[in-house]
Every structure is written in C-alpha cells, then in structure tokens.
Amino acid sequence: MTTRRVFGAVLVFVAAGLAVAASFLNAYAVQVTVGGRVLRFEATSWAVERDDFRGALMLVPIEFGEPAVGAALVMALSAVLAFRVPAMRVGSLLGAGLLAGVAWSAVGSVRSTVTKLQEIDSPVTVAVEQGDGITLLVVAAGVAVVSAVLHQELPKPARTGQTADGVVIHQLDDEPDDTDTPPYGYPVVVEPKDG
C-alpha cells in the first residue's frame, strides 16, 4: 500500500466528515428589514431554525442532508473496506461523484430561491445569503474528488530516456527486487533420455 493511497483514504474520511457537518450548518438565510424591525428566516438542510415570517414567504429547507450523509457513508465504507478488498476503492469515486452532485444541486437551489425572491414586488429589500452549510458542502465535494483520485492506485507511467545513439531505455518503477536470483538463473538437471 502506497503512502499516496493511505493519504487518499484519510482525506476520504475528512471529506465525509465535512459533508456530514455541512448538513447541520445554516444552508441559507433570508432577511427583511421593515420599519426598523429585522425579520429573518434560517434553515439547515434538515429543518427550519428560525422563521420570523411565520410561513408568509413559503420558504423551505434545502434538503441535501440525506444524500450528503449517504455519500459520506459510501465514501467512508469504501475507504475502510478497500484495505481488505482493493476493488472497493471505486466506492470513494462513486461517493465523491454523488457528493459533487449534491453540492451542485444545493447551490442551484439557493440561486433559484434568490431569483424567486427577487421577482416578488416588495417595497422592502429582501436579502438572501448563502449559509456556511452550502459553502462547507462545496468544500467537502472538492476534497472528496481529490481524495477519491488519490485513493485509487493509478499506475505510474514508465520513465523513458533517450540516449545519444537513439537507444530508448525504459525504467519501470515498483518492480520486485531480483537480488535473490543468480545472474544466470537456477541450474536445472536434465536427465538424458535412453533410447
């Protein structure tokens, strides 16, 4: 097992933890100031944390918690199981792809909410801000993609060197050590055939 693959597995766990943490942070907030009074709506990916509008704006949480936690579980399980079954490393790629899709969808939902609220004819300014949960989710998706690539055991390309005579020398890395084999091989006793 290479150091790069172990580092990739550690980063897979970091990305999974960030994705789970992002689902519990504030996803987005809407704020309106009316007559010196501030009305605010805040929601995580799981629930509404504060709603001073009492449902008047019909805002809902951006529900990315379940898919983000699901992607984190796929990534973490693949990192653990890959120590026994190397083919399970593909799970970290699948989880990273799912997490990137969840982050893309969450950012798109916030932009959609901003567009929807800007279309409302309101005498007051409606401010929408992306929360730390969405930002951390995007960071987790980026870390997940990098870690999933590092977690794979991609073959190293052979180094090629060109000498002055036009001879190409190929040096292969990670070859087994041949020091136990004699230079001319092992002697084999051949019995002559009678007849």
N, C-alpha and C. Protein backbone atom coordinates (compact mmCIF):
# COMPACT_ATOMS: atom_id res chain seq x y z
N MET A 1 0.85 -1.18 0.00
CA MET A 1 0.00 0.00 0.00
C MET A 1 0.89 1.23 0.00
N THR A 2 0.62 2.13 -0.91
CA THR A 2 1.46 3.30 -1.05
C THR A 2 1.01 4.41 -0.09
N THR A 3 1.93 5.31 0.16
CA THR A 3 1.64 6.45 1.04
C THR A 3 0.54 7.32 0.43
N ARG A 4 0.57 7.45 -0.89
CA ARG A 4 -0.43 8.26 -1.57
C ARG A 4 -1.83 7.70 -1.36
N ARG A 5 -1.95 6.38 -1.41
CA ARG A 5 -3.27 5.76 -1.24
C ARG A 5 -3.75 5.89 0.21
N VAL A 6 -2.85 5.77 1.17
CA VAL A 6 -3.22 5.95 2.58
C VAL A 6 -3.64 7.40 2.83
N PHE A 7 -2.89 8.34 2.26
CA PHE A 7 -3.26 9.75 2.39
C PHE A 7 -4.62 10.01 1.76
N GLY A 8 -4.87 9.38 0.62
CA GLY A 8 -6.18 9.49 -0.03
C GLY A 8 -7.29 8.96 0.84
N ALA A 9 -7.05 7.82 1.51
CA ALA A 9 -8.07 7.22 2.39
C ALA A 9 -8.35 8.14 3.57
N VAL A 10 -7.31 8.77 4.12
CA VAL A 10 -7.51 9.71 5.23
C VAL A 10 -8.34 10.91 4.76
N LEU A 11 -8.02 11.41 3.56
CA LEU A 11 -8.78 12.54 3.02
C LEU A 11 -10.23 12.16 2.72
N VAL A 12 -10.47 10.89 2.37
CA VAL A 12 -11.85 10.43 2.15
C VAL A 12 -12.64 10.59 3.43
N PHE A 13 -12.03 10.21 4.57
CA PHE A 13 -12.71 10.37 5.86
C PHE A 13 -12.94 11.84 6.20
N VAL A 14 -11.96 12.68 5.87
CA VAL A 14 -12.10 14.12 6.13
C VAL A 14 -13.27 14.68 5.32
N ALA A 15 -13.33 14.32 4.02
CA ALA A 15 -14.41 14.80 3.16
C ALA A 15 -15.76 14.32 3.66
N ALA A 16 -15.82 13.06 4.11
CA ALA A 16 -17.08 12.51 4.63
C ALA A 16 -17.52 13.28 5.88
N GLY A 17 -16.57 13.57 6.76
CA GLY A 17 -16.90 14.33 7.97
C GLY A 17 -17.37 15.74 7.66
N LEU A 18 -16.71 16.38 6.69
CA LEU A 18 -17.12 17.73 6.29
C LEU A 18 -18.53 17.72 5.70
N ALA A 19 -18.84 16.69 4.91
CA ALA A 19 -20.18 16.61 4.30
C ALA A 19 -21.26 16.46 5.36
N VAL A 20 -21.00 15.63 6.36
CA VAL A 20 -21.98 15.45 7.43
C VAL A 20 -22.12 16.73 8.24
N ALA A 21 -21.00 17.38 8.56
CA ALA A 21 -21.05 18.63 9.32
C ALA A 21 -21.79 19.72 8.55
N ALA A 22 -21.62 19.75 7.23
CA ALA A 22 -22.28 20.77 6.40
C ALA A 22 -23.79 20.66 6.47
N SER A 23 -24.28 19.45 6.63
CA SER A 23 -25.73 19.27 6.65
C SER A 23 -26.37 19.86 7.90
N PHE A 24 -25.60 20.09 8.95
CA PHE A 24 -26.14 20.63 10.20
C PHE A 24 -25.93 22.14 10.34
N LEU A 25 -25.18 22.73 9.43
CA LEU A 25 -24.96 24.18 9.47
C LEU A 25 -26.05 24.90 8.69
N ASN A 26 -26.12 26.21 8.88
CA ASN A 26 -27.11 27.03 8.21
C ASN A 26 -26.91 26.96 6.70
N ALA A 27 -27.92 26.54 5.95
CA ALA A 27 -27.82 26.41 4.49
C ALA A 27 -28.01 27.76 3.81
N TYR A 28 -29.06 28.48 4.21
CA TYR A 28 -29.29 29.81 3.66
C TYR A 28 -30.16 30.60 4.62
N ALA A 29 -30.15 31.91 4.42
CA ALA A 29 -30.95 32.80 5.26
C ALA A 29 -31.57 33.89 4.40
N VAL A 30 -32.76 34.31 4.79
CA VAL A 30 -33.47 35.42 4.13
C VAL A 30 -33.75 36.46 5.20
N GLN A 31 -33.44 37.72 4.87
CA GLN A 31 -33.62 38.78 5.86
C GLN A 31 -34.32 39.98 5.23
N VAL A 32 -35.28 40.52 5.97
CA VAL A 32 -36.03 41.70 5.54
C VAL A 32 -36.07 42.67 6.72
N THR A 33 -35.82 43.93 6.45
CA THR A 33 -35.92 44.95 7.48
C THR A 33 -37.15 45.81 7.19
N VAL A 34 -38.10 45.77 8.12
CA VAL A 34 -39.36 46.52 7.96
C VAL A 34 -39.53 47.44 9.17
N GLY A 35 -39.51 48.75 8.92
CA GLY A 35 -39.74 49.72 9.99
C GLY A 35 -38.78 49.56 11.15
N GLY A 36 -37.51 49.28 10.87
CA GLY A 36 -36.53 49.12 11.93
C GLY A 36 -36.52 47.74 12.57
N ARG A 37 -37.46 46.91 12.20
CA ARG A 37 -37.52 45.54 12.74
C ARG A 37 -36.96 44.57 11.71
N VAL A 38 -36.10 43.67 12.15
CA VAL A 38 -35.47 42.68 11.26
C VAL A 38 -36.23 41.37 11.34
N LEU A 39 -36.72 40.92 10.18
CA LEU A 39 -37.37 39.62 10.08
C LEU A 39 -36.40 38.69 9.35
N ARG A 40 -36.24 37.49 9.89
CA ARG A 40 -35.22 36.58 9.36
C ARG A 40 -35.75 35.16 9.25
N PHE A 41 -35.30 34.47 8.21
CA PHE A 41 -35.58 33.04 8.02
C PHE A 41 -34.24 32.34 7.89
N GLU A 42 -34.05 31.27 8.67
CA GLU A 42 -32.82 30.48 8.60
C GLU A 42 -33.20 29.01 8.57
N ALA A 43 -32.47 28.23 7.75
CA ALA A 43 -32.74 26.80 7.67
C ALA A 43 -31.46 26.02 7.43
N THR A 44 -31.36 24.87 8.08
CA THR A 44 -30.30 23.92 7.76
C THR A 44 -30.85 23.01 6.68
N SER A 45 -30.12 21.95 6.36
CA SER A 45 -30.64 21.02 5.35
C SER A 45 -31.69 20.09 5.93
N TRP A 46 -31.84 20.11 7.24
CA TRP A 46 -32.79 19.21 7.89
C TRP A 46 -34.08 19.92 8.32
N ALA A 47 -33.97 21.16 8.82
CA ALA A 47 -35.14 21.80 9.41
C ALA A 47 -34.99 23.32 9.38
N VAL A 48 -36.12 23.98 9.62
CA VAL A 48 -36.14 25.44 9.74
C VAL A 48 -35.68 25.79 11.15
N GLU A 49 -34.68 26.65 11.25
CA GLU A 49 -34.15 27.05 12.55
C GLU A 49 -34.85 28.31 13.08
N ARG A 50 -35.20 29.19 12.16
CA ARG A 50 -35.86 30.45 12.57
C ARG A 50 -36.75 30.91 11.42
N ASP A 51 -37.98 31.28 11.75
CA ASP A 51 -38.91 31.77 10.73
C ASP A 51 -39.74 32.90 11.33
N ASP A 52 -39.23 34.12 11.19
CA ASP A 52 -39.97 35.29 11.68
C ASP A 52 -41.14 35.65 10.75
N PHE A 53 -41.16 35.09 9.55
CA PHE A 53 -42.23 35.38 8.59
C PHE A 53 -43.48 34.53 8.85
N ARG A 54 -43.35 33.53 9.70
CA ARG A 54 -44.45 32.63 10.05
C ARG A 54 -45.10 32.00 8.81
N GLY A 55 -44.25 31.60 7.86
CA GLY A 55 -44.75 30.90 6.68
C GLY A 55 -45.26 31.79 5.57
N ALA A 56 -45.19 33.11 5.72
CA ALA A 56 -45.74 34.02 4.71
C ALA A 56 -44.98 33.93 3.39
N LEU A 57 -43.66 33.69 3.44
CA LEU A 57 -42.86 33.60 2.21
C LEU A 57 -42.80 32.17 1.66
N MET A 58 -43.38 31.23 2.38
CA MET A 58 -43.39 29.82 1.97
C MET A 58 -41.99 29.30 1.64
N LEU A 59 -41.04 29.59 2.52
CA LEU A 59 -39.67 29.11 2.35
C LEU A 59 -39.52 27.76 3.04
N VAL A 60 -38.71 26.91 2.45
CA VAL A 60 -38.48 25.57 3.00
C VAL A 60 -36.98 25.30 3.05
N PRO A 61 -36.55 24.33 3.85
CA PRO A 61 -35.13 23.98 3.86
C PRO A 61 -34.70 23.38 2.52
N ILE A 62 -33.44 23.58 2.17
CA ILE A 62 -32.85 22.91 1.01
C ILE A 62 -32.40 21.54 1.51
N GLU A 63 -33.11 20.52 1.16
CA GLU A 63 -32.91 19.20 1.76
C GLU A 63 -31.78 18.44 1.06
N PHE A 64 -30.55 18.71 1.51
CA PHE A 64 -29.41 17.96 0.99
C PHE A 64 -28.78 17.08 2.06
N GLY A 65 -29.38 17.03 3.24
CA GLY A 65 -28.80 16.27 4.34
C GLY A 65 -28.71 14.78 4.08
N GLU A 66 -29.82 14.17 3.65
CA GLU A 66 -29.82 12.72 3.43
C GLU A 66 -28.86 12.29 2.33
N PRO A 67 -28.87 12.93 1.15
CA PRO A 67 -27.90 12.49 0.14
C PRO A 67 -26.45 12.79 0.52
N ALA A 68 -26.22 13.88 1.26
CA ALA A 68 -24.85 14.19 1.68
C ALA A 68 -24.34 13.15 2.67
N VAL A 69 -25.18 12.77 3.62
CA VAL A 69 -24.79 11.75 4.59
C VAL A 69 -24.65 10.40 3.90
N GLY A 70 -25.52 10.11 2.92
CA GLY A 70 -25.41 8.86 2.16
C GLY A 70 -24.09 8.79 1.39
N ALA A 71 -23.72 9.89 0.74
CA ALA A 71 -22.45 9.93 0.01
C ALA A 71 -21.28 9.77 0.97
N ALA A 72 -21.38 10.41 2.15
CA ALA A 72 -20.31 10.29 3.15
C ALA A 72 -20.17 8.84 3.62
N LEU A 73 -21.29 8.15 3.82
CA LEU A 73 -21.23 6.75 4.24
C LEU A 73 -20.61 5.86 3.16
N VAL A 74 -20.99 6.09 1.91
CA VAL A 74 -20.41 5.30 0.81
C VAL A 74 -18.91 5.50 0.76
N MET A 75 -18.47 6.76 0.89
CA MET A 75 -17.04 7.05 0.84
C MET A 75 -16.30 6.43 2.01
N ALA A 76 -16.84 6.58 3.21
CA ALA A 76 -16.16 6.06 4.40
C ALA A 76 -16.10 4.53 4.38
N LEU A 77 -17.20 3.88 4.00
CA LEU A 77 -17.20 2.42 3.92
C LEU A 77 -16.22 1.91 2.87
N SER A 78 -16.16 2.59 1.73
CA SER A 78 -15.23 2.14 0.69
C SER A 78 -13.78 2.30 1.15
N ALA A 79 -13.50 3.36 1.91
CA ALA A 79 -12.14 3.56 2.41
C ALA A 79 -11.75 2.48 3.41
N VAL A 80 -12.70 2.08 4.24
CA VAL A 80 -12.42 1.02 5.22
C VAL A 80 -12.28 -0.33 4.54
N LEU A 81 -13.23 -0.65 3.66
CA LEU A 81 -13.23 -1.96 3.02
C LEU A 81 -12.11 -2.12 1.99
N ALA A 82 -11.58 -1.01 1.47
CA ALA A 82 -10.52 -1.08 0.47
C ALA A 82 -9.23 -1.64 1.03
N PHE A 83 -9.07 -1.63 2.36
CA PHE A 83 -7.87 -2.22 2.95
C PHE A 83 -7.87 -3.74 2.79
N ARG A 84 -9.06 -4.33 2.72
CA ARG A 84 -9.19 -5.78 2.52
C ARG A 84 -9.46 -6.14 1.06
N VAL A 85 -10.34 -5.38 0.43
CA VAL A 85 -10.72 -5.65 -0.96
C VAL A 85 -10.38 -4.40 -1.77
N PRO A 86 -9.24 -4.41 -2.49
CA PRO A 86 -8.82 -3.20 -3.21
C PRO A 86 -9.84 -2.67 -4.21
N ALA A 87 -10.69 -3.53 -4.75
CA ALA A 87 -11.68 -3.08 -5.73
C ALA A 87 -12.71 -2.14 -5.11
N MET A 88 -12.82 -2.12 -3.80
CA MET A 88 -13.79 -1.25 -3.13
C MET A 88 -13.39 0.23 -3.20
N ARG A 89 -12.17 0.50 -3.68
CA ARG A 89 -11.75 1.89 -3.82
C ARG A 89 -12.64 2.65 -4.80
N VAL A 90 -13.31 1.93 -5.68
CA VAL A 90 -14.21 2.58 -6.64
C VAL A 90 -15.35 3.28 -5.90
N GLY A 91 -15.72 2.77 -4.73
CA GLY A 91 -16.78 3.40 -3.94
C GLY A 91 -16.46 4.83 -3.55
N SER A 92 -15.18 5.12 -3.34
CA SER A 92 -14.82 6.51 -3.00
C SER A 92 -15.07 7.43 -4.19
N LEU A 93 -14.85 6.92 -5.41
CA LEU A 93 -15.17 7.72 -6.60
C LEU A 93 -16.67 7.93 -6.74
N LEU A 94 -17.44 6.87 -6.49
CA LEU A 94 -18.90 6.99 -6.58
C LEU A 94 -19.44 7.98 -5.54
N GLY A 95 -18.94 7.85 -4.31
CA GLY A 95 -19.38 8.77 -3.25
C GLY A 95 -18.99 10.21 -3.54
N ALA A 96 -17.78 10.41 -4.08
CA ALA A 96 -17.33 11.76 -4.43
C ALA A 96 -18.20 12.35 -5.54
N GLY A 97 -18.55 11.52 -6.52
CA GLY A 97 -19.43 11.99 -7.59
C GLY A 97 -20.80 12.36 -7.08
N LEU A 98 -21.33 11.53 -6.18
CA LEU A 98 -22.63 11.83 -5.59
C LEU A 98 -22.58 13.11 -4.77
N LEU A 99 -21.51 13.28 -4.00
CA LEU A 99 -21.37 14.48 -3.17
C LEU A 99 -21.22 15.73 -4.04
N ALA A 100 -20.49 15.62 -5.14
CA ALA A 100 -20.36 16.76 -6.06
C ALA A 100 -21.73 17.12 -6.65
N GLY A 101 -22.53 16.10 -6.98
CA GLY A 101 -23.87 16.36 -7.49
C GLY A 101 -24.77 17.01 -6.45
N VAL A 102 -24.65 16.57 -5.21
CA VAL A 102 -25.45 17.17 -4.12
C VAL A 102 -25.06 18.63 -3.93
N ALA A 103 -23.75 18.92 -3.96
CA ALA A 103 -23.29 20.31 -3.79
C ALA A 103 -23.79 21.18 -4.94
N TRP A 104 -23.71 20.65 -6.16
CA TRP A 104 -24.19 21.40 -7.34
C TRP A 104 -25.68 21.71 -7.20
N SER A 105 -26.44 20.71 -6.78
CA SER A 105 -27.89 20.88 -6.61
C SER A 105 -28.21 21.88 -5.51
N ALA A 106 -27.47 21.83 -4.40
CA ALA A 106 -27.73 22.75 -3.29
C ALA A 106 -27.44 24.20 -3.69
N VAL A 107 -26.33 24.41 -4.38
CA VAL A 107 -26.00 25.77 -4.84
C VAL A 107 -27.06 26.25 -5.82
N GLY A 108 -27.51 25.37 -6.71
CA GLY A 108 -28.57 25.73 -7.65
C GLY A 108 -29.88 26.07 -6.96
N SER A 109 -30.19 25.37 -5.87
CA SER A 109 -31.41 25.66 -5.12
C SER A 109 -31.35 27.02 -4.46
N VAL A 110 -30.18 27.38 -3.92
CA VAL A 110 -30.04 28.71 -3.32
C VAL A 110 -30.20 29.79 -4.38
N ARG A 111 -29.59 29.58 -5.54
CA ARG A 111 -29.73 30.57 -6.63
C ARG A 111 -31.17 30.68 -7.09
N SER A 112 -31.87 29.56 -7.13
CA SER A 112 -33.28 29.56 -7.52
C SER A 112 -34.11 30.34 -6.51
N THR A 113 -33.80 30.17 -5.23
CA THR A 113 -34.52 30.91 -4.18
C THR A 113 -34.26 32.40 -4.30
N VAL A 114 -33.00 32.78 -4.59
CA VAL A 114 -32.67 34.19 -4.78
C VAL A 114 -33.47 34.77 -5.94
N THR A 115 -33.52 34.04 -7.05
CA THR A 115 -34.27 34.51 -8.23
C THR A 115 -35.76 34.65 -7.92
N LYS A 116 -36.30 33.65 -7.21
CA LYS A 116 -37.72 33.67 -6.87
C LYS A 116 -38.06 34.87 -5.98
N LEU A 117 -37.20 35.17 -5.01
CA LEU A 117 -37.47 36.28 -4.10
C LEU A 117 -37.25 37.64 -4.76
N GLN A 118 -36.38 37.69 -5.77
CA GLN A 118 -36.17 38.96 -6.47
C GLN A 118 -37.36 39.31 -7.36
N GLU A 119 -38.14 38.30 -7.76
CA GLU A 119 -39.30 38.53 -8.60
C GLU A 119 -40.51 39.05 -7.82
N ILE A 120 -40.45 38.97 -6.50
CA ILE A 120 -41.56 39.45 -5.67
C ILE A 120 -41.54 40.97 -5.66
N ASP A 121 -42.69 41.57 -5.96
CA ASP A 121 -42.81 43.03 -5.86
C ASP A 121 -42.97 43.41 -4.39
N SER A 122 -41.87 43.88 -3.83
CA SER A 122 -41.89 44.21 -2.41
C SER A 122 -41.34 45.62 -2.21
N PRO A 123 -41.96 46.39 -1.33
CA PRO A 123 -41.46 47.75 -1.07
C PRO A 123 -40.16 47.73 -0.27
N VAL A 124 -39.82 46.60 0.33
CA VAL A 124 -38.59 46.49 1.12
C VAL A 124 -37.62 45.55 0.41
N THR A 125 -36.36 45.69 0.75
CA THR A 125 -35.33 44.84 0.16
C THR A 125 -35.29 43.49 0.86
N VAL A 126 -35.32 42.44 0.05
CA VAL A 126 -35.23 41.07 0.57
C VAL A 126 -33.82 40.59 0.29
N ALA A 127 -33.06 40.29 1.35
CA ALA A 127 -31.68 39.84 1.20
C ALA A 127 -31.60 38.34 1.45
N VAL A 128 -30.97 37.63 0.52
CA VAL A 128 -30.76 36.19 0.66
C VAL A 128 -29.27 35.95 0.71
N GLU A 129 -28.85 35.19 1.71
CA GLU A 129 -27.43 34.88 1.82
C GLU A 129 -27.23 33.36 1.91
N GLN A 130 -26.20 32.92 1.21
CA GLN A 130 -25.83 31.51 1.27
C GLN A 130 -25.17 31.25 2.61
N GLY A 131 -25.57 30.19 3.28
CA GLY A 131 -25.04 29.90 4.60
C GLY A 131 -23.75 29.10 4.57
N ASP A 132 -23.19 28.92 5.76
CA ASP A 132 -21.94 28.16 5.89
C ASP A 132 -22.11 26.70 5.51
N GLY A 133 -23.33 26.17 5.62
CA GLY A 133 -23.56 24.78 5.27
C GLY A 133 -23.32 24.50 3.80
N ILE A 134 -23.78 25.40 2.93
CA ILE A 134 -23.58 25.23 1.49
C ILE A 134 -22.10 25.40 1.15
N THR A 135 -21.46 26.39 1.74
CA THR A 135 -20.03 26.62 1.49
C THR A 135 -19.21 25.41 1.91
N LEU A 136 -19.49 24.88 3.10
CA LEU A 136 -18.76 23.70 3.57
C LEU A 136 -19.06 22.48 2.71
N LEU A 137 -20.28 22.37 2.21
CA LEU A 137 -20.63 21.26 1.33
C LEU A 137 -19.83 21.31 0.02
N VAL A 138 -19.65 22.51 -0.53
CA VAL A 138 -18.85 22.66 -1.75
C VAL A 138 -17.39 22.30 -1.47
N VAL A 139 -16.87 22.74 -0.32
CA VAL A 139 -15.51 22.39 0.07
C VAL A 139 -15.38 20.87 0.24
N ALA A 140 -16.36 20.26 0.89
CA ALA A 140 -16.34 18.80 1.09
C ALA A 140 -16.35 18.07 -0.24
N ALA A 141 -17.13 18.57 -1.20
CA ALA A 141 -17.17 17.93 -2.52
C ALA A 141 -15.82 18.04 -3.22
N GLY A 142 -15.17 19.20 -3.11
CA GLY A 142 -13.84 19.36 -3.70
C GLY A 142 -12.82 18.43 -3.08
N VAL A 143 -12.82 18.36 -1.74
CA VAL A 143 -11.91 17.46 -1.04
C VAL A 143 -12.22 16.01 -1.40
N ALA A 144 -13.50 15.69 -1.55
CA ALA A 144 -13.90 14.32 -1.88
C ALA A 144 -13.38 13.90 -3.25
N VAL A 145 -13.46 14.79 -4.22
CA VAL A 145 -12.97 14.45 -5.57
C VAL A 145 -11.45 14.23 -5.54
N VAL A 146 -10.72 15.14 -4.89
CA VAL A 146 -9.27 14.99 -4.80
C VAL A 146 -8.90 13.72 -4.05
N SER A 147 -9.58 13.47 -2.92
CA SER A 147 -9.25 12.29 -2.12
C SER A 147 -9.59 11.00 -2.85
N ALA A 148 -10.68 10.99 -3.61
CA ALA A 148 -11.05 9.78 -4.35
C ALA A 148 -10.02 9.46 -5.42
N VAL A 149 -9.49 10.48 -6.07
CA VAL A 149 -8.45 10.25 -7.07
C VAL A 149 -7.17 9.74 -6.41
N LEU A 150 -6.80 10.35 -5.28
CA LEU A 150 -5.61 9.89 -4.56
C LEU A 150 -5.78 8.48 -4.00
N HIS A 151 -7.00 8.13 -3.66
CA HIS A 151 -7.29 6.82 -3.07
C HIS A 151 -7.12 5.68 -4.08
N GLN A 152 -7.24 5.99 -5.36
CA GLN A 152 -7.08 4.96 -6.39
C GLN A 152 -5.60 4.63 -6.55
N GLU A 153 -5.31 3.44 -6.99
CA GLU A 153 -3.93 3.03 -7.24
C GLU A 153 -3.71 3.12 -8.75
N LEU A 154 -3.50 4.33 -9.23
CA LEU A 154 -3.29 4.53 -10.65
C LEU A 154 -1.85 4.14 -10.99
N PRO A 155 -1.64 3.43 -12.11
CA PRO A 155 -0.28 3.03 -12.46
C PRO A 155 0.57 4.25 -12.83
N LYS A 156 1.82 4.17 -12.42
CA LYS A 156 2.73 5.26 -12.77
C LYS A 156 3.23 5.01 -14.18
N PRO A 157 3.34 6.06 -14.98
CA PRO A 157 3.88 5.86 -16.33
C PRO A 157 5.36 5.51 -16.27
N ALA A 158 5.79 4.67 -17.21
CA ALA A 158 7.20 4.28 -17.26
C ALA A 158 8.02 5.48 -17.68
N ARG A 159 9.17 5.64 -17.04
CA ARG A 159 10.05 6.74 -17.40
C ARG A 159 10.86 6.33 -18.63
N THR A 160 10.90 7.18 -19.59
CA THR A 160 11.63 6.89 -20.82
C THR A 160 12.75 7.90 -20.98
N GLY A 161 13.94 7.36 -21.27
CA GLY A 161 15.08 8.25 -21.50
C GLY A 161 15.66 7.95 -22.87
N GLN A 162 16.08 8.94 -23.59
CA GLN A 162 16.65 8.77 -24.93
C GLN A 162 18.15 9.02 -24.82
N THR A 163 18.94 8.05 -25.27
CA THR A 163 20.39 8.23 -25.27
C THR A 163 20.81 8.86 -26.58
N ALA A 164 22.10 9.19 -26.68
CA ALA A 164 22.61 9.84 -27.88
C ALA A 164 22.55 8.93 -29.10
N ASP A 165 22.62 7.59 -28.91
CA ASP A 165 22.64 6.66 -30.04
C ASP A 165 21.23 6.32 -30.52
N GLY A 166 20.21 6.90 -29.94
CA GLY A 166 18.85 6.61 -30.36
C GLY A 166 18.27 5.40 -29.64
N VAL A 167 18.98 4.89 -28.64
CA VAL A 167 18.50 3.75 -27.87
C VAL A 167 17.54 4.26 -26.80
N VAL A 168 16.41 3.62 -26.65
CA VAL A 168 15.42 4.02 -25.66
C VAL A 168 15.57 3.12 -24.44
N ILE A 169 15.69 3.73 -23.29
CA ILE A 169 15.82 2.98 -22.04
C ILE A 169 14.53 3.15 -21.27
N HIS A 170 13.92 2.04 -20.92
CA HIS A 170 12.69 2.08 -20.12
C HIS A 170 13.04 1.62 -18.72
N GLN A 171 12.67 2.41 -17.74
CA GLN A 171 12.87 2.04 -16.35
C GLN A 171 11.50 1.93 -15.70
N LEU A 172 11.18 0.77 -15.20
CA LEU A 172 9.89 0.54 -14.57
C LEU A 172 10.04 0.68 -13.06
N ASP A 173 9.15 1.45 -12.48
CA ASP A 173 9.17 1.62 -11.03
C ASP A 173 8.40 0.49 -10.37
N ASP A 174 8.62 0.31 -9.10
CA ASP A 174 7.90 -0.66 -8.27
C ASP A 174 8.06 -2.09 -8.78
N GLU A 175 9.19 -2.42 -9.37
CA GLU A 175 9.45 -3.79 -9.79
C GLU A 175 9.95 -4.57 -8.57
N PRO A 176 9.65 -5.87 -8.48
CA PRO A 176 10.15 -6.64 -7.35
C PRO A 176 11.68 -6.73 -7.41
N ASP A 177 12.27 -6.88 -6.26
CA ASP A 177 13.72 -6.93 -6.15
C ASP A 177 14.22 -8.29 -6.63
N ASP A 178 15.20 -8.32 -7.55
CA ASP A 178 15.73 -9.55 -8.13
C ASP A 178 17.01 -10.01 -7.45
N THR A 179 17.36 -9.49 -6.31
CA THR A 179 18.67 -9.80 -5.72
C THR A 179 18.82 -11.25 -5.32
N ASP A 180 17.72 -12.01 -5.15
CA ASP A 180 17.84 -13.40 -4.76
C ASP A 180 18.07 -14.33 -5.95
N THR A 181 17.83 -13.88 -7.15
CA THR A 181 18.01 -14.72 -8.33
C THR A 181 19.44 -14.59 -8.83
N PRO A 182 20.14 -15.73 -9.04
CA PRO A 182 21.51 -15.67 -9.59
C PRO A 182 21.49 -15.06 -10.99
N PRO A 183 22.61 -14.46 -11.42
CA PRO A 183 22.62 -13.77 -12.71
C PRO A 183 22.30 -14.67 -13.90
N TYR A 184 22.62 -15.97 -13.82
CA TYR A 184 22.33 -16.88 -14.94
C TYR A 184 21.20 -17.83 -14.62
N GLY A 185 20.39 -17.51 -13.63
CA GLY A 185 19.25 -18.35 -13.28
C GLY A 185 19.64 -19.51 -12.38
N TYR A 186 18.73 -20.41 -12.17
CA TYR A 186 18.97 -21.58 -11.35
C TYR A 186 19.34 -22.76 -12.25
N PRO A 187 20.31 -23.58 -11.82
CA PRO A 187 20.67 -24.74 -12.67
C PRO A 187 19.54 -25.78 -12.64
N VAL A 188 19.31 -26.39 -13.78
CA VAL A 188 18.28 -27.40 -13.91
C VAL A 188 18.97 -28.68 -14.37
N VAL A 189 18.74 -29.75 -13.66
CA VAL A 189 19.33 -31.05 -14.00
C VAL A 189 18.41 -31.70 -15.01
N VAL A 190 18.97 -32.06 -16.17
CA VAL A 190 18.21 -32.70 -17.21
C VAL A 190 18.71 -34.12 -17.34
N GLU A 191 17.82 -35.07 -17.20
CA GLU A 191 18.15 -36.47 -17.34
C GLU A 191 18.15 -36.82 -18.81
N PRO A 192 19.23 -37.42 -19.31
CA PRO A 192 19.24 -37.82 -20.73
C PRO A 192 18.23 -38.95 -20.97
N LYS A 193 17.63 -38.95 -22.14
CA LYS A 193 16.67 -39.99 -22.50
C LYS A 193 17.43 -41.20 -23.01
N ASP A 194 17.00 -42.33 -22.59
CA ASP A 194 17.58 -43.59 -23.09
C ASP A 194 16.80 -44.03 -24.30
N GLY A 195 17.52 -44.28 -25.38
CA GLY A 195 16.86 -44.92 -26.50
C GLY A 195 16.75 -44.13 -27.66
